[in-house]
Amino acid sequence: MHLRRALLLFAIVLGLAALVASLSRPLEQRRDDSESSGPREPRQPPVAPRAAPEPVSEISFEAADNEAMRLRAGAAATLEVAVDEPGSVEIPDMGLSASADRLTPARFDVLASRPGRYELLFTPADGDRAVPAGRLVVTSAG
């Protein structure tokens, strides 16, 4: 009876040792073993490389000049609007606004997807009336 228990205990210890040994191998080696033992699935063809995205344009406005700048539809741009006094700059049709002062221009990251004219408005901190600060003209892509 003691011999059976000893053999059973020995078999359990050997089984656990084999399990621990198989789990302690490096993950890459286990992956290689599983890939070579199972049926191989056909590999998917490589994906064609996409064209590199266009660089982001930087467009600077002077609020006092009330000038128009162009941007192609679908192109990303960073707009900076320099002002002479503290206040906020807004592009209402894009739902964007940012504060600005004499040393820190208002900055907007935009991706205009549809052509059109987008007015920039400046509201001084000590006033409540917005004045035109420029226009972003988004032209058709092409």
Protein backbone atom coordinates (compact mmCIF):
# COMPACT_ATOMS: atom_id res chain seq x y z
CA MET A 1 0.00 0.00 0.00
CA HIS A 2 2.83 2.40 0.81
CA LEU A 3 4.50 1.57 -2.48
CA ARG A 4 1.40 2.58 -4.47
CA ARG A 5 1.16 5.90 -2.64
CA ALA A 6 4.85 6.56 -3.20
CA LEU A 7 4.56 5.80 -6.93
CA LEU A 8 1.45 8.00 -7.25
CA LEU A 9 3.17 10.87 -5.42
CA PHE A 10 6.25 10.42 -7.63
CA ALA A 11 4.09 10.52 -10.80
CA ILE A 12 2.35 13.70 -9.61
CA VAL A 13 5.69 15.39 -8.85
CA LEU A 14 7.05 14.42 -12.29
CA GLY A 15 3.91 15.76 -14.00
CA LEU A 16 4.12 19.07 -12.15
CA ALA A 17 7.85 19.35 -12.94
CA ALA A 18 7.12 18.83 -16.65
CA LEU A 19 4.37 21.47 -16.54
CA VAL A 20 6.62 23.99 -14.80
CA ALA A 21 9.45 23.29 -17.26
CA SER A 22 7.19 23.87 -20.27
CA LEU A 23 5.86 27.13 -18.84
CA SER A 24 9.28 28.44 -17.87
CA ARG A 25 10.61 28.42 -21.48
CA PRO A 26 10.86 31.85 -23.16
CA LEU A 27 7.61 33.01 -24.76
CA GLU A 28 9.18 33.20 -28.25
CA GLN A 29 10.26 29.56 -28.03
CA ARG A 30 6.75 28.50 -26.97
CA ARG A 31 5.27 30.46 -29.90
CA ASP A 32 7.69 28.81 -32.33
CA ASP A 33 6.73 25.37 -31.01
CA SER A 34 3.01 26.08 -31.29
CA GLU A 35 3.34 27.49 -34.82
CA SER A 36 5.36 24.53 -36.09
CA SER A 37 3.13 21.87 -34.51
CA GLY A 38 -0.25 23.22 -35.71
CA PRO A 39 -1.51 23.61 -39.23
CA ARG A 40 -0.23 26.77 -40.86
CA GLU A 41 -2.74 29.37 -41.80
CA PRO A 42 -2.09 31.24 -45.02
CA ARG A 43 -0.43 34.56 -44.37
CA GLN A 44 -2.23 37.67 -45.45
CA PRO A 45 -0.49 39.72 -48.10
CA PRO A 46 1.30 42.79 -46.78
CA VAL A 47 -0.70 45.99 -46.72
CA ALA A 48 0.26 48.51 -49.36
CA PRO A 49 2.01 51.49 -47.83
CA ARG A 50 -0.05 54.64 -47.54
CA ALA A 51 1.13 57.96 -48.82
CA ALA A 52 2.79 60.07 -46.17
CA PRO A 53 0.45 62.66 -44.67
CA GLU A 54 0.93 66.21 -45.81
CA PRO A 55 2.91 68.37 -43.40
CA VAL A 56 0.91 70.65 -41.18
CA SER A 57 0.83 74.21 -42.49
CA GLU A 58 1.39 77.14 -40.19
CA ILE A 59 -0.74 80.19 -40.92
CA SER A 60 -0.25 83.44 -39.03
CA PHE A 61 -2.79 86.24 -38.81
CA GLU A 62 -2.43 89.75 -37.44
CA ALA A 63 -5.84 90.59 -35.99
CA ALA A 64 -5.40 94.29 -36.70
CA ASP A 65 -4.80 93.62 -40.43
CA ASN A 66 -8.06 91.62 -40.93
CA GLU A 67 -6.45 89.67 -43.77
CA ALA A 68 -7.56 86.53 -45.62
CA MET A 69 -5.43 83.37 -45.80
CA ARG A 70 -6.02 80.28 -47.94
CA LEU A 71 -5.98 76.61 -46.99
CA ARG A 72 -6.78 73.60 -49.15
CA ALA A 73 -9.73 71.46 -48.01
CA GLY A 74 -8.52 68.36 -46.16
CA ALA A 75 -5.19 69.92 -45.20
CA ALA A 76 -4.25 70.29 -41.55
CA ALA A 77 -2.99 73.63 -40.30
CA THR A 78 -2.02 75.46 -37.15
CA LEU A 79 -3.45 78.97 -37.09
CA GLU A 80 -1.88 81.68 -34.96
CA VAL A 81 -3.65 84.99 -34.43
CA ALA A 82 -1.53 87.78 -32.98
CA VAL A 83 -3.40 90.56 -31.13
CA ASP A 84 -2.42 93.95 -29.69
CA GLU A 85 -4.35 93.60 -26.42
CA PRO A 86 -5.66 90.75 -24.23
CA GLY A 87 -8.87 89.07 -25.32
CA SER A 88 -10.24 86.03 -27.08
CA VAL A 89 -10.18 84.95 -30.71
CA GLU A 90 -13.00 82.87 -32.10
CA ILE A 91 -13.73 80.95 -35.30
CA PRO A 92 -17.50 80.59 -34.84
CA ASP A 93 -18.20 78.33 -37.84
CA MET A 94 -15.65 75.82 -36.54
CA GLY A 95 -16.71 76.12 -32.91
CA LEU A 96 -13.22 77.19 -31.81
CA SER A 97 -12.04 79.88 -29.43
CA ALA A 98 -8.79 80.69 -27.64
CA SER A 99 -7.46 83.44 -25.45
CA ALA A 100 -4.62 85.68 -26.58
CA ASP A 101 -2.60 88.66 -25.47
CA ARG A 102 0.19 90.82 -26.87
CA LEU A 103 2.88 88.18 -26.16
CA THR A 104 0.88 84.97 -26.67
CA PRO A 105 -1.10 84.57 -29.88
CA ALA A 106 -4.24 82.45 -30.03
CA ARG A 107 -3.48 78.99 -31.52
CA PHE A 108 -5.86 76.66 -33.33
CA ASP A 109 -5.21 73.23 -34.84
CA VAL A 110 -7.66 72.87 -37.71
CA LEU A 111 -8.54 70.33 -40.36
CA ALA A 112 -11.06 72.05 -42.59
CA SER A 113 -12.92 69.34 -44.44
CA ARG A 114 -15.26 71.50 -46.52
CA PRO A 115 -14.57 74.57 -48.64
CA GLY A 116 -15.84 77.91 -47.41
CA ARG A 117 -14.99 81.18 -45.71
CA TYR A 118 -14.41 81.08 -41.97
CA GLU A 119 -14.43 84.41 -40.16
CA LEU A 120 -12.03 85.03 -37.27
CA LEU A 121 -13.37 87.36 -34.58
CA PHE A 122 -11.47 89.10 -31.79
CA THR A 123 -13.18 90.22 -28.59
CA PRO A 124 -11.04 92.45 -26.31
CA ALA A 125 -10.97 91.45 -22.63
CA ASP A 126 -12.31 94.87 -21.61
CA GLY A 127 -15.06 94.89 -24.25
CA ASP A 128 -18.02 92.84 -25.29
CA ARG A 129 -18.08 93.57 -28.99
CA ALA A 130 -16.29 91.24 -31.41
CA VAL A 131 -14.36 92.74 -34.32
CA PRO A 132 -13.17 90.94 -37.48
CA ALA A 133 -9.64 89.53 -37.12
CA GLY A 134 -9.28 87.80 -40.48
CA ARG A 135 -10.72 85.11 -42.74
CA LEU A 136 -9.63 81.57 -43.44
CA VAL A 137 -10.62 80.69 -47.00
CA VAL A 138 -10.76 76.92 -47.50
CA THR A 139 -10.49 76.03 -51.18
CA SER A 140 -11.54 72.83 -52.93
CA ALA A 141 -9.02 70.00 -52.81
CA GLY A 142 -7.40 69.25 -56.10
